């Protein structure tokens, strides 16, 4: 056999290695779900999973979500499912209805997609869902978070492993470039589907992908995407350390009150600003399931650090007020 023909393509090898590492945590006999849109990233992921899962003794099921948002979506979903079948994967197509656009059409579609993937994973008794997010997706996410001024939480980007309610969500390709997944598809003779929405400049992520990142690369030199991904990883490490500190601190300074929850004002003021603000946001998020803006967080913090007798502060889902030596958070009527 010609040595050149027998040599594994480097792009295929890189994607397979990433998937192999992700699957190494599972015991044989389990099931994983691959989120397959038909695009190059998810198709390369599906091909690698079809190769690696049997070696690990795992069953793999490809699930394609048809959002029904554009003409030809049924055919595109069927083609992706057929490609998965040709790779040796069990294949499913799930049609969802995208409703509500409070966070925009992208957010509504994402919510519907993840809800359907979660249900599919539960139905298949799957140990995890694998998605095809790449290093480029990570860089775009960090830039979008930076532009929106959303703070360190947004700049952390996506984690390689997270939870989708009770289901484990894995992103094996977060260290792989989008150009590599395309090269892997080409090497394996796979024809990815190019979603028109991925080049539609109406969407902020597309403008970042098509305009902002290329300009940064041209003006500042190559390696911008990798640098942004490293930044996200470092911030996740910092956040993990902060979370441990917050858990320890909250036990000492937070008490349940009759109308909600209260925090020691003196203890809150004694903490560094970064920790103080995280505690405030965490208290509101955990007790009232709401998120605070930075301006709202700072106003609450002033009840501890700059108390001059100011009145209650209306917040999403709750109200904060100074009561003696404590800051009380209570549900709004």
C-alpha atoms as a PDB file:
ATOM      1  CA  UNK A   1       0.000   0.000   0.000  1.00  0.00           C
ATOM      2  CA  UNK A   2       1.247   3.508  -0.804  1.00  0.00           C
ATOM      3  CA  UNK A   3       2.625   5.010   2.439  1.00  0.00           C
ATOM      4  CA  UNK A   4       1.104   8.388   1.633  1.00  0.00           C
ATOM      5  CA  UNK A   5      -2.353   6.839   1.251  1.00  0.00           C
ATOM      6  CA  UNK A   6      -2.073   4.951   4.549  1.00  0.00           C
ATOM      7  CA  UNK A   7      -0.991   7.987   6.577  1.00  0.00           C
ATOM      8  CA  UNK A   8      -3.791   9.465   8.693  1.00  0.00           C
ATOM      9  CA  UNK A   9      -4.641  13.038   7.768  1.00  0.00           C
ATOM     10  CA  UNK A  10      -3.391  15.418  10.517  1.00  0.00           C
ATOM     11  CA  UNK A  11      -6.739  17.204  10.788  1.00  0.00           C
ATOM     12  CA  UNK A  12      -8.616  13.928  11.209  1.00  0.00           C
ATOM     13  CA  UNK A  13      -6.070  12.791  13.787  1.00  0.00           C
ATOM     14  CA  UNK A  14      -6.422  16.026  15.779  1.00  0.00           C
ATOM     15  CA  UNK A  15     -10.202  15.811  15.938  1.00  0.00           C
ATOM     16  CA  UNK A  16     -10.135  12.115  16.857  1.00  0.00           C
ATOM     17  CA  UNK A  17      -7.630  12.726  19.630  1.00  0.00           C
ATOM     18  CA  UNK A  18      -9.816  15.471  21.113  1.00  0.00           C
ATOM     19  CA  UNK A  19     -12.839  13.155  21.082  1.00  0.00           C
ATOM     20  CA  UNK A  20     -10.828  10.226  22.473  1.00  0.00           C
ATOM     21  CA  UNK A  21      -9.798  12.316  25.459  1.00  0.00           C
ATOM     22  CA  UNK A  22     -13.388  13.391  26.082  1.00  0.00           C
ATOM     23  CA  UNK A  23     -14.713   9.823  25.930  1.00  0.00           C
ATOM     24  CA  UNK A  24     -11.970   8.422  28.177  1.00  0.00           C
ATOM     25  CA  UNK A  25     -13.974   9.275  31.317  1.00  0.00           C
ATOM     26  CA  UNK A  26     -16.851   6.927  30.428  1.00  0.00           C
ATOM     27  CA  UNK A  27     -17.140   3.262  31.271  1.00  0.00           C
ATOM     28  CA  UNK A  28     -17.899   0.813  28.428  1.00  0.00           C
ATOM     29  CA  UNK A  29     -21.575   0.145  27.852  1.00  0.00           C
ATOM     30  CA  UNK A  30     -22.722   3.740  28.103  1.00  0.00           C
ATOM     31  CA  UNK A  31     -24.285   6.032  25.499  1.00  0.00           C
ATOM     32  CA  UNK A  32     -23.333   9.480  24.251  1.00  0.00           C
ATOM     33  CA  UNK A  33     -25.367  11.868  22.121  1.00  0.00           C
ATOM     34  CA  UNK A  34     -23.696  13.902  19.383  1.00  0.00           C
ATOM     35  CA  UNK A  35     -25.392  17.208  18.547  1.00  0.00           C
ATOM     36  CA  UNK A  36     -25.244  17.218  14.744  1.00  0.00           C
ATOM     37  CA  UNK A  37     -26.273  20.269  12.737  1.00  0.00           C
ATOM     38  CA  UNK A  38     -24.615  19.057   9.543  1.00  0.00           C
ATOM     39  CA  UNK A  39     -22.032  21.852   9.591  1.00  0.00           C
ATOM     40  CA  UNK A  40     -18.328  21.126   9.374  1.00  0.00           C
ATOM     41  CA  UNK A  41     -17.700  21.318  13.125  1.00  0.00           C
ATOM     42  CA  UNK A  42     -20.447  18.926  14.194  1.00  0.00           C
ATOM     43  CA  UNK A  43     -19.894  16.646  11.195  1.00  0.00           C
ATOM     44  CA  UNK A  44     -16.196  16.273  12.021  1.00  0.00           C
ATOM     45  CA  UNK A  45     -17.205  15.621  15.627  1.00  0.00           C
ATOM     46  CA  UNK A  46     -19.708  12.970  14.541  1.00  0.00           C
ATOM     47  CA  UNK A  47     -17.147  11.232  12.328  1.00  0.00           C
ATOM     48  CA  UNK A  48     -14.576  11.170  15.119  1.00  0.00           C
ATOM     49  CA  UNK A  49     -17.145   9.892  17.614  1.00  0.00           C
ATOM     50  CA  UNK A  50     -18.227   7.150  15.190  1.00  0.00           C
ATOM     51  CA  UNK A  51     -14.587   6.060  15.073  1.00  0.00           C
ATOM     52  CA  UNK A  52     -13.684   6.432  18.751  1.00  0.00           C
ATOM     53  CA  UNK A  53     -16.878   5.429  20.600  1.00  0.00           C
ATOM     54  CA  UNK A  54     -16.876   1.738  19.549  1.00  0.00           C
ATOM     55  CA  UNK A  55     -13.230   1.469  20.615  1.00  0.00           C
ATOM     56  CA  UNK A  56     -14.334   2.640  24.056  1.00  0.00           C
ATOM     57  CA  UNK A  57     -17.327   0.291  24.077  1.00  0.00           C
ATOM     58  CA  UNK A  58     -19.776   3.184  23.861  1.00  0.00           C
ATOM     59  CA  UNK A  59     -22.989   3.560  21.905  1.00  0.00           C
ATOM     60  CA  UNK A  60     -23.245   6.852  20.004  1.00  0.00           C
ATOM     61  CA  UNK A  61     -26.428   8.528  18.796  1.00  0.00           C
ATOM     62  CA  UNK A  62     -26.459  11.572  16.527  1.00  0.00           C
ATOM     63  CA  UNK A  63     -29.334  13.981  17.163  1.00  0.00           C
ATOM     64  CA  UNK A  64     -30.142  16.676  14.605  1.00  0.00           C
ATOM     65  CA  UNK A  65     -32.429  19.500  15.658  1.00  0.00           C
ATOM     66  CA  UNK A  66     -34.610  21.034  12.948  1.00  0.00           C
ATOM     67  CA  UNK A  67     -35.547  24.524  14.123  1.00  0.00           C
ATOM     68  CA  UNK A  68     -37.814  25.100  11.137  1.00  0.00           C
ATOM     69  CA  UNK A  69     -36.578  28.684  10.835  1.00  0.00           C
ATOM     70  CA  UNK A  70     -35.600  28.666   7.183  1.00  0.00           C
ATOM     71  CA  UNK A  71     -36.662  27.139   3.923  1.00  0.00           C
ATOM     72  CA  UNK A  72     -35.126  23.740   3.331  1.00  0.00           C
ATOM     73  CA  UNK A  73     -34.494  23.001   7.005  1.00  0.00           C
ATOM     74  CA  UNK A  74     -36.257  19.634   6.731  1.00  0.00           C
ATOM     75  CA  UNK A  75     -33.996  18.555   3.875  1.00  0.00           C
ATOM     76  CA  UNK A  76     -30.881  19.825   5.653  1.00  0.00           C
ATOM     77  CA  UNK A  77     -31.775  17.902   8.812  1.00  0.00           C
ATOM     78  CA  UNK A  78     -32.490  14.746   6.795  1.00  0.00           C
ATOM     79  CA  UNK A  79     -29.151  15.053   4.997  1.00  0.00           C
ATOM     80  CA  UNK A  80     -27.281  15.452   8.296  1.00  0.00           C
ATOM     81  CA  UNK A  81     -29.068  12.442   9.731  1.00  0.00           C
ATOM     82  CA  UNK A  82     -28.244  10.394   6.635  1.00  0.00           C
ATOM     83  CA  UNK A  83     -24.588  11.380   6.931  1.00  0.00           C
ATOM     84  CA  UNK A  84     -24.589  10.201  10.539  1.00  0.00           C
ATOM     85  CA  UNK A  85     -26.101   6.890   9.498  1.00  0.00           C
ATOM     86  CA  UNK A  86     -23.450   6.467   6.814  1.00  0.00           C
ATOM     87  CA  UNK A  87     -20.796   6.988   9.485  1.00  0.00           C
ATOM     88  CA  UNK A  88     -22.288   4.154  11.508  1.00  0.00           C
ATOM     89  CA  UNK A  89     -24.084   6.233  14.101  1.00  0.00           C
ATOM     90  CA  UNK A  90     -27.655   5.809  15.191  1.00  0.00           C
ATOM     91  CA  UNK A  91     -29.423   8.919  13.958  1.00  0.00           C
ATOM     92  CA  UNK A  92     -32.420  10.910  15.133  1.00  0.00           C
ATOM     93  CA  UNK A  93     -34.077  14.096  13.864  1.00  0.00           C
ATOM     94  CA  UNK A  94     -36.072  16.232  16.307  1.00  0.00           C
ATOM     95  CA  UNK A  95     -38.263  19.089  15.108  1.00  0.00           C
ATOM     96  CA  UNK A  96     -38.657  21.968  17.558  1.00  0.00           C
ATOM     97  CA  UNK A  97     -40.788  25.077  17.639  1.00  0.00           C
ATOM     98  CA  UNK A  98     -38.827  28.238  18.409  1.00  0.00           C
ATOM     99  CA  UNK A  99     -40.986  30.622  20.421  1.00  0.00           C
ATOM    100  CA  UNK A 100     -40.220  33.762  22.377  1.00  0.00           C
ATOM    101  CA  UNK A 101     -37.467  36.163  21.417  1.00  0.00           C
ATOM    102  CA  UNK A 102     -36.768  38.041  24.642  1.00  0.00           C
ATOM    103  CA  UNK A 103     -33.056  37.510  24.115  1.00  0.00           C
ATOM    104  CA  UNK A 104     -33.293  37.620  20.332  1.00  0.00           C
ATOM    105  CA  UNK A 105     -33.860  34.888  17.751  1.00  0.00           C
ATOM    106  CA  UNK A 106     -30.427  33.326  18.314  1.00  0.00           C
ATOM    107  CA  UNK A 107     -31.082  32.893  22.030  1.00  0.00           C
ATOM    108  CA  UNK A 108     -34.579  31.527  21.420  1.00  0.00           C
ATOM    109  CA  UNK A 109     -33.260  28.959  18.935  1.00  0.00           C
ATOM    110  CA  UNK A 110     -30.440  27.980  21.290  1.00  0.00           C
ATOM    111  CA  UNK A 111     -32.850  27.487  24.198  1.00  0.00           C
ATOM    112  CA  UNK A 112     -35.144  25.327  22.075  1.00  0.00           C
ATOM    113  CA  UNK A 113     -32.185  23.321  20.753  1.00  0.00           C
ATOM    114  CA  UNK A 114     -30.694  22.586  24.145  1.00  0.00           C
ATOM    115  CA  UNK A 115     -34.065  21.660  25.608  1.00  0.00           C
ATOM    116  CA  UNK A 116     -34.563  19.152  22.788  1.00  0.00           C
ATOM    117  CA  UNK A 117     -31.031  17.765  23.149  1.00  0.00           C
ATOM    118  CA  UNK A 118     -31.566  17.331  26.872  1.00  0.00           C
ATOM    119  CA  UNK A 119     -34.791  15.424  26.288  1.00  0.00           C
ATOM    120  CA  UNK A 120     -33.118  13.271  23.634  1.00  0.00           C
ATOM    121  CA  UNK A 121     -30.236  12.462  25.972  1.00  0.00           C
ATOM    122  CA  UNK A 122     -32.659  11.465  28.732  1.00  0.00           C
ATOM    123  CA  UNK A 123     -34.651   9.301  26.307  1.00  0.00           C
ATOM    124  CA  UNK A 124     -31.460   7.541  25.175  1.00  0.00           C
ATOM    125  CA  UNK A 125     -30.188   7.223  28.766  1.00  0.00           C
ATOM    126  CA  UNK A 126     -27.047   8.989  27.564  1.00  0.00           C
ATOM    127  CA  UNK A 127     -24.135   9.815  29.839  1.00  0.00           C
ATOM    128  CA  UNK A 128     -23.393  13.052  27.960  1.00  0.00           C
ATOM    129  CA  UNK A 129     -24.126  15.316  25.029  1.00  0.00           C
ATOM    130  CA  UNK A 130     -21.188  16.234  22.782  1.00  0.00           C
ATOM    131  CA  UNK A 131     -21.266  19.521  20.876  1.00  0.00           C
ATOM    132  CA  UNK A 132     -18.964  20.761  18.117  1.00  0.00           C
ATOM    133  CA  UNK A 133     -17.977  24.147  19.553  1.00  0.00           C
ATOM    134  CA  UNK A 134     -14.455  25.036  18.438  1.00  0.00           C
ATOM    135  CA  UNK A 135     -11.694  27.372  19.558  1.00  0.00           C
ATOM    136  CA  UNK A 136     -13.041  29.929  17.072  1.00  0.00           C
ATOM    137  CA  UNK A 137     -16.468  29.767  18.743  1.00  0.00           C
ATOM    138  CA  UNK A 138     -14.764  30.343  22.067  1.00  0.00           C
ATOM    139  CA  UNK A 139     -12.916  33.405  20.765  1.00  0.00           C
ATOM    140  CA  UNK A 140     -16.140  34.844  19.336  1.00  0.00           C
ATOM    141  CA  UNK A 141     -17.932  34.288  22.642  1.00  0.00           C
ATOM    142  CA  UNK A 142     -15.214  36.111  24.586  1.00  0.00           C
ATOM    143  CA  UNK A 143     -15.239  39.059  22.179  1.00  0.00           C
ATOM    144  CA  UNK A 144     -19.022  39.336  22.355  1.00  0.00           C
ATOM    145  CA  UNK A 145     -18.879  39.282  26.149  1.00  0.00           C
ATOM    146  CA  UNK A 146     -16.196  41.967  26.120  1.00  0.00           C
ATOM    147  CA  UNK A 147     -18.230  44.180  23.776  1.00  0.00           C
ATOM    148  CA  UNK A 148     -21.325  43.861  25.965  1.00  0.00           C
ATOM    149  CA  UNK A 149     -19.431  44.688  29.148  1.00  0.00           C
ATOM    150  CA  UNK A 150     -20.887  41.588  30.762  1.00  0.00           C
ATOM    151  CA  UNK A 151     -18.052  41.080  33.200  1.00  0.00           C
ATOM    152  CA  UNK A 152     -15.780  38.156  33.953  1.00  0.00           C
ATOM    153  CA  UNK A 153     -18.577  35.601  33.764  1.00  0.00           C
ATOM    154  CA  UNK A 154     -19.112  36.230  30.042  1.00  0.00           C
ATOM    155  CA  UNK A 155     -15.387  36.463  29.382  1.00  0.00           C
ATOM    156  CA  UNK A 156     -14.960  32.945  30.743  1.00  0.00           C
ATOM    157  CA  UNK A 157     -16.560  31.697  27.541  1.00  0.00           C
ATOM    158  CA  UNK A 158     -17.595  28.055  27.365  1.00  0.00           C
ATOM    159  CA  UNK A 159     -16.257  25.298  29.596  1.00  0.00           C
ATOM    160  CA  UNK A 160     -15.133  21.962  28.180  1.00  0.00           C
ATOM    161  CA  UNK A 161     -17.578  20.316  30.566  1.00  0.00           C
ATOM    162  CA  UNK A 162     -20.745  21.777  32.068  1.00  0.00           C
ATOM    163  CA  UNK A 163     -24.239  20.690  33.043  1.00  0.00           C
ATOM    164  CA  UNK A 164     -27.454  20.917  31.068  1.00  0.00           C
ATOM    165  CA  UNK A 165     -29.722  20.356  34.043  1.00  0.00           C
ATOM    166  CA  UNK A 166     -29.000  16.726  34.997  1.00  0.00           C
ATOM    167  CA  UNK A 167     -27.178  15.929  31.742  1.00  0.00           C
ATOM    168  CA  UNK A 168     -23.424  16.335  31.232  1.00  0.00           C
ATOM    169  CA  UNK A 169     -22.528  18.630  28.317  1.00  0.00           C
ATOM    170  CA  UNK A 170     -19.085  18.181  26.737  1.00  0.00           C
ATOM    171  CA  UNK A 171     -17.312  20.334  24.156  1.00  0.00           C
ATOM    172  CA  UNK A 172     -14.376  18.180  23.002  1.00  0.00           C
ATOM    173  CA  UNK A 173     -13.284  20.521  20.193  1.00  0.00           C
ATOM    174  CA  UNK A 174     -12.762  23.727  22.196  1.00  0.00           C
ATOM    175  CA  UNK A 175      -9.040  23.458  21.502  1.00  0.00           C
ATOM    176  CA  UNK A 176      -9.504  22.753  17.774  1.00  0.00           C
ATOM    177  CA  UNK A 177      -9.661  25.447  15.085  1.00  0.00           C
ATOM    178  CA  UNK A 178     -12.604  25.672  12.701  1.00  0.00           C
ATOM    179  CA  UNK A 179     -10.195  25.323   9.767  1.00  0.00           C
ATOM    180  CA  UNK A 180      -9.180  21.939  11.178  1.00  0.00           C
ATOM    181  CA  UNK A 181     -12.740  20.606  11.276  1.00  0.00           C
ATOM    182  CA  UNK A 182     -13.238  21.669   7.662  1.00  0.00           C
ATOM    183  CA  UNK A 183      -9.984  20.003   6.682  1.00  0.00           C
ATOM    184  CA  UNK A 184     -11.040  16.845   8.524  1.00  0.00           C
ATOM    185  CA  UNK A 185     -14.349  16.739   6.643  1.00  0.00           C
ATOM    186  CA  UNK A 186     -12.541  17.205   3.321  1.00  0.00           C
ATOM    187  CA  UNK A 187     -10.054  14.443   4.150  1.00  0.00           C
ATOM    188  CA  UNK A 188     -12.867  12.025   4.971  1.00  0.00           C
ATOM    189  CA  UNK A 189     -14.967  12.934   1.959  1.00  0.00           C
ATOM    190  CA  UNK A 190     -17.740  14.471   4.047  1.00  0.00           C
ATOM    191  CA  UNK A 191     -19.842  17.305   2.605  1.00  0.00           C
ATOM    192  CA  UNK A 192     -20.849  19.712   5.389  1.00  0.00           C
ATOM    193  CA  UNK A 193     -23.945  21.883   5.179  1.00  0.00           C
ATOM    194  CA  UNK A 194     -23.306  25.629   5.348  1.00  0.00           C
ATOM    195  CA  UNK A 195     -26.098  27.234   7.346  1.00  0.00           C
ATOM    196  CA  UNK A 196     -27.004  30.590   5.685  1.00  0.00           C
ATOM    197  CA  UNK A 197     -27.449  32.069   9.155  1.00  0.00           C
ATOM    198  CA  UNK A 198     -23.707  31.599   9.720  1.00  0.00           C
ATOM    199  CA  UNK A 199     -22.963  34.275   7.120  1.00  0.00           C
ATOM    200  CA  UNK A 200     -25.911  36.586   7.798  1.00  0.00           C
ATOM    201  CA  UNK A 201     -24.520  39.945   9.049  1.00  0.00           C
ATOM    202  CA  UNK A 202     -27.737  40.643  10.955  1.00  0.00           C
ATOM    203  CA  UNK A 203     -26.300  38.467  13.720  1.00  0.00           C
ATOM    204  CA  UNK A 204     -23.607  39.924  15.995  1.00  0.00           C
ATOM    205  CA  UNK A 205     -21.691  36.645  16.129  1.00  0.00           C
ATOM    206  CA  UNK A 206     -21.438  36.592  12.334  1.00  0.00           C
ATOM    207  CA  UNK A 207     -20.063  40.142  12.284  1.00  0.00           C
ATOM    208  CA  UNK A 208     -17.467  39.147  14.864  1.00  0.00           C
ATOM    209  CA  UNK A 209     -16.551  36.071  12.812  1.00  0.00           C
ATOM    210  CA  UNK A 210     -16.484  37.687   9.402  1.00  0.00           C
ATOM    211  CA  UNK A 211     -15.196  41.184  10.223  1.00  0.00           C
ATOM    212  CA  UNK A 212     -13.903  41.776  13.738  1.00  0.00           C
ATOM    213  CA  UNK A 213     -11.614  38.773  14.204  1.00  0.00           C
ATOM    214  CA  UNK A 214     -10.065  39.050  10.722  1.00  0.00           C
ATOM    215  CA  UNK A 215      -9.332  42.755  11.339  1.00  0.00           C
ATOM    216  CA  UNK A 216      -7.731  41.960  14.703  1.00  0.00           C
ATOM    217  CA  UNK A 217      -5.613  39.245  13.096  1.00  0.00           C
ATOM    218  CA  UNK A 218      -4.553  41.607  10.304  1.00  0.00           C
ATOM    219  CA  UNK A 219      -3.732  44.537  12.594  1.00  0.00           C
ATOM    220  CA  UNK A 220      -2.318  42.774  15.642  1.00  0.00           C
ATOM    221  CA  UNK A 221      -0.888  39.630  14.099  1.00  0.00           C
ATOM    222  CA  UNK A 222      -1.914  35.974  14.128  1.00  0.00           C
ATOM    223  CA  UNK A 223      -2.889  34.114  17.266  1.00  0.00           C
ATOM    224  CA  UNK A 224      -5.745  36.372  18.410  1.00  0.00           C
ATOM    225  CA  UNK A 225      -8.262  33.515  18.632  1.00  0.00           C
ATOM    226  CA  UNK A 226      -5.866  31.384  20.659  1.00  0.00           C
ATOM    227  CA  UNK A 227      -5.125  34.321  22.980  1.00  0.00           C
ATOM    228  CA  UNK A 228      -8.823  34.918  23.596  1.00  0.00           C
ATOM    229  CA  UNK A 229      -9.343  31.217  24.345  1.00  0.00           C
ATOM    230  CA  UNK A 230      -6.441  31.293  26.823  1.00  0.00           C
ATOM    231  CA  UNK A 231      -7.986  34.326  28.497  1.00  0.00           C
ATOM    232  CA  UNK A 232     -11.263  32.450  28.905  1.00  0.00           C
ATOM    233  CA  UNK A 233      -9.478  29.466  30.463  1.00  0.00           C
ATOM    234  CA  UNK A 234      -7.591  31.667  32.920  1.00  0.00           C
ATOM    235  CA  UNK A 235     -10.781  33.471  33.950  1.00  0.00           C
ATOM    236  CA  UNK A 236     -12.536  30.146  34.550  1.00  0.00           C
ATOM    237  CA  UNK A 237      -9.694  29.167  36.875  1.00  0.00           C
ATOM    238  CA  UNK A 238     -10.036  32.476  38.727  1.00  0.00           C
ATOM    239  CA  UNK A 239     -13.804  32.028  38.933  1.00  0.00           C
ATOM    240  CA  UNK A 240     -13.399  28.548  40.430  1.00  0.00           C
ATOM    241  CA  UNK A 241     -11.145  29.971  43.134  1.00  0.00           C
ATOM    242  CA  UNK A 242     -13.610  32.804  43.817  1.00  0.00           C
ATOM    243  CA  UNK A 243     -16.473  30.322  44.061  1.00  0.00           C
ATOM    244  CA  UNK A 244     -14.667  28.420  46.794  1.00  0.00           C
ATOM    245  CA  UNK A 245     -14.009  31.646  48.697  1.00  0.00           C
ATOM    246  CA  UNK A 246     -17.636  32.724  48.312  1.00  0.00           C
ATOM    247  CA  UNK A 247     -18.972  29.393  49.577  1.00  0.00           C
ATOM    248  CA  UNK A 248     -16.822  29.693  52.693  1.00  0.00           C
ATOM    249  CA  UNK A 249     -17.715  33.358  53.257  1.00  0.00           C
ATOM    250  CA  UNK A 250     -21.461  33.020  52.699  1.00  0.00           C
ATOM    251  CA  UNK A 251     -21.796  30.435  55.462  1.00  0.00           C
ATOM    252  CA  UNK A 252     -20.629  33.056  57.965  1.00  0.00           C
ATOM    253  CA  UNK A 253     -22.383  36.215  56.777  1.00  0.00           C
ATOM    254  CA  UNK A 254     -25.704  35.148  55.204  1.00  0.00           C
ATOM    255  CA  UNK A 255     -28.854  34.337  57.156  1.00  0.00           C
ATOM    256  CA  UNK A 256     -32.372  33.530  56.099  1.00  0.00           C
ATOM    257  CA  UNK A 257     -34.795  36.273  57.030  1.00  0.00           C
ATOM    258  CA  UNK A 258     -38.568  36.158  57.354  1.00  0.00           C
ATOM    259  CA  UNK A 259     -39.092  37.865  54.002  1.00  0.00           C
ATOM    260  CA  UNK A 260     -36.091  36.452  52.175  1.00  0.00           C
ATOM    261  CA  UNK A 261     -32.395  36.535  52.990  1.00  0.00           C
ATOM    262  CA  UNK A 262     -29.986  38.944  54.700  1.00  0.00           C
ATOM    263  CA  UNK A 263     -26.257  39.628  54.612  1.00  0.00           C
ATOM    264  CA  UNK A 264     -24.041  41.206  57.256  1.00  0.00           C
ATOM    265  CA  UNK A 265     -23.263  44.717  56.026  1.00  0.00           C
ATOM    266  CA  UNK A 266     -20.014  44.966  57.981  1.00  0.00           C
ATOM    267  CA  UNK A 267     -18.727  41.627  56.716  1.00  0.00           C
ATOM    268  CA  UNK A 268     -19.720  42.511  53.169  1.00  0.00           C
ATOM    269  CA  UNK A 269     -17.896  45.842  53.381  1.00  0.00           C
ATOM    270  CA  UNK A 270     -14.786  44.158  54.776  1.00  0.00           C
ATOM    271  CA  UNK A 271     -14.389  41.939  51.708  1.00  0.00           C
ATOM    272  CA  UNK A 272     -12.546  43.022  48.551  1.00  0.00           C
ATOM    273  CA  UNK A 273     -14.840  44.615  45.955  1.00  0.00           C
ATOM    274  CA  UNK A 274     -14.633  41.667  43.560  1.00  0.00           C
ATOM    275  CA  UNK A 275     -15.693  39.213  46.251  1.00  0.00           C
ATOM    276  CA  UNK A 276     -18.328  41.593  47.659  1.00  0.00           C
ATOM    277  CA  UNK A 277     -19.970  42.031  44.267  1.00  0.00           C
ATOM    278  CA  UNK A 278     -19.936  38.303  43.546  1.00  0.00           C
ATOM    279  CA  UNK A 279     -21.626  37.596  46.868  1.00  0.00           C
ATOM    280  CA  UNK A 280     -24.384  40.100  46.096  1.00  0.00           C
ATOM    281  CA  UNK A 281     -24.983  38.660  42.634  1.00  0.00           C
ATOM    282  CA  UNK A 282     -24.930  35.093  43.953  1.00  0.00           C
ATOM    283  CA  UNK A 283     -27.407  35.853  46.739  1.00  0.00           C
ATOM    284  CA  UNK A 284     -29.902  37.349  44.287  1.00  0.00           C
ATOM    285  CA  UNK A 285     -29.364  34.616  41.692  1.00  0.00           C
ATOM    286  CA  UNK A 286     -29.714  31.725  44.148  1.00  0.00           C
ATOM    287  CA  UNK A 287     -32.609  33.128  46.167  1.00  0.00           C
ATOM    288  CA  UNK A 288     -34.638  34.919  43.462  1.00  0.00           C
ATOM    289  CA  UNK A 289     -33.271  33.406  40.226  1.00  0.00           C
ATOM    290  CA  UNK A 290     -32.467  36.813  38.758  1.00  0.00           C
ATOM    291  CA  UNK A 291     -29.300  38.435  37.395  1.00  0.00           C
ATOM    292  CA  UNK A 292     -28.089  41.883  38.394  1.00  0.00           C
ATOM    293  CA  UNK A 293     -26.380  44.401  36.161  1.00  0.00           C
ATOM    294  CA  UNK A 294     -23.141  45.955  37.352  1.00  0.00           C
ATOM    295  CA  UNK A 295     -24.940  49.230  38.140  1.00  0.00           C
ATOM    296  CA  UNK A 296     -27.490  47.397  40.291  1.00  0.00           C
ATOM    297  CA  UNK A 297     -24.744  45.454  42.050  1.00  0.00           C
ATOM    298  CA  UNK A 298     -22.848  48.641  42.867  1.00  0.00           C
ATOM    299  CA  UNK A 299     -25.978  50.281  44.282  1.00  0.00           C
ATOM    300  CA  UNK A 300     -26.542  47.331  46.602  1.00  0.00           C
ATOM    301  CA  UNK A 301     -22.876  47.368  47.627  1.00  0.00           C
ATOM    302  CA  UNK A 302     -23.222  51.029  48.663  1.00  0.00           C
ATOM    303  CA  UNK A 303     -25.698  49.905  51.325  1.00  0.00           C
ATOM    304  CA  UNK A 304     -22.682  48.311  52.989  1.00  0.00           C
ATOM    305  CA  UNK A 305     -19.782  50.546  51.997  1.00  0.00           C
ATOM    306  CA  UNK A 306     -21.380  53.997  51.733  1.00  0.00           C
ATOM    307  CA  UNK A 307     -24.419  53.927  53.995  1.00  0.00           C
ATOM    308  CA  UNK A 308     -26.004  57.391  54.327  1.00  0.00           C
ATOM    309  CA  UNK A 309     -29.583  56.374  55.052  1.00  0.00           C
ATOM    310  CA  UNK A 310     -30.639  55.679  51.452  1.00  0.00           C
ATOM    311  CA  UNK A 311     -33.919  53.871  50.931  1.00  0.00           C
ATOM    312  CA  UNK A 312     -34.742  50.447  49.485  1.00  0.00           C
ATOM    313  CA  UNK A 313     -33.451  49.521  46.031  1.00  0.00           C
ATOM    314  CA  UNK A 314     -35.782  47.823  43.563  1.00  0.00           C
ATOM    315  CA  UNK A 315     -34.040  44.948  41.780  1.00  0.00           C
ATOM    316  CA  UNK A 316     -35.182  42.241  39.357  1.00  0.00           C
ATOM    317  CA  UNK A 317     -37.457  39.971  41.372  1.00  0.00           C
ATOM    318  CA  UNK A 318     -36.557  41.463  44.752  1.00  0.00           C
ATOM    319  CA  UNK A 319     -35.820  44.535  46.834  1.00  0.00           C
ATOM    320  CA  UNK A 320     -32.710  45.309  48.901  1.00  0.00           C
ATOM    321  CA  UNK A 321     -32.678  47.537  51.977  1.00  0.00           C
ATOM    322  CA  UNK A 322     -30.450  48.296  54.929  1.00  0.00           C
ATOM    323  CA  UNK A 323     -31.941  47.134  58.227  1.00  0.00           C
ATOM    324  CA  UNK A 324     -29.643  47.796  61.146  1.00  0.00           C
ATOM    325  CA  UNK A 325     -26.391  46.016  60.539  1.00  0.00           C
ATOM    326  CA  UNK A 326     -27.713  43.828  57.756  1.00  0.00           C
ATOM    327  CA  UNK A 327     -28.778  44.127  54.130  1.00  0.00           C
ATOM    328  CA  UNK A 328     -32.088  42.379  53.595  1.00  0.00           C
ATOM    329  CA  UNK A 329     -33.240  40.993  50.236  1.00  0.00           C
ATOM    330  CA  UNK A 330     -36.967  40.320  50.002  1.00  0.00           C
ATOM    331  CA  UNK A 331     -39.273  39.301  47.170  1.00  0.00           C
ATOM    332  CA  UNK A 332     -41.103  42.130  45.470  1.00  0.00           C
ATOM    333  CA  UNK A 333     -44.891  42.035  45.599  1.00  0.00           C
END
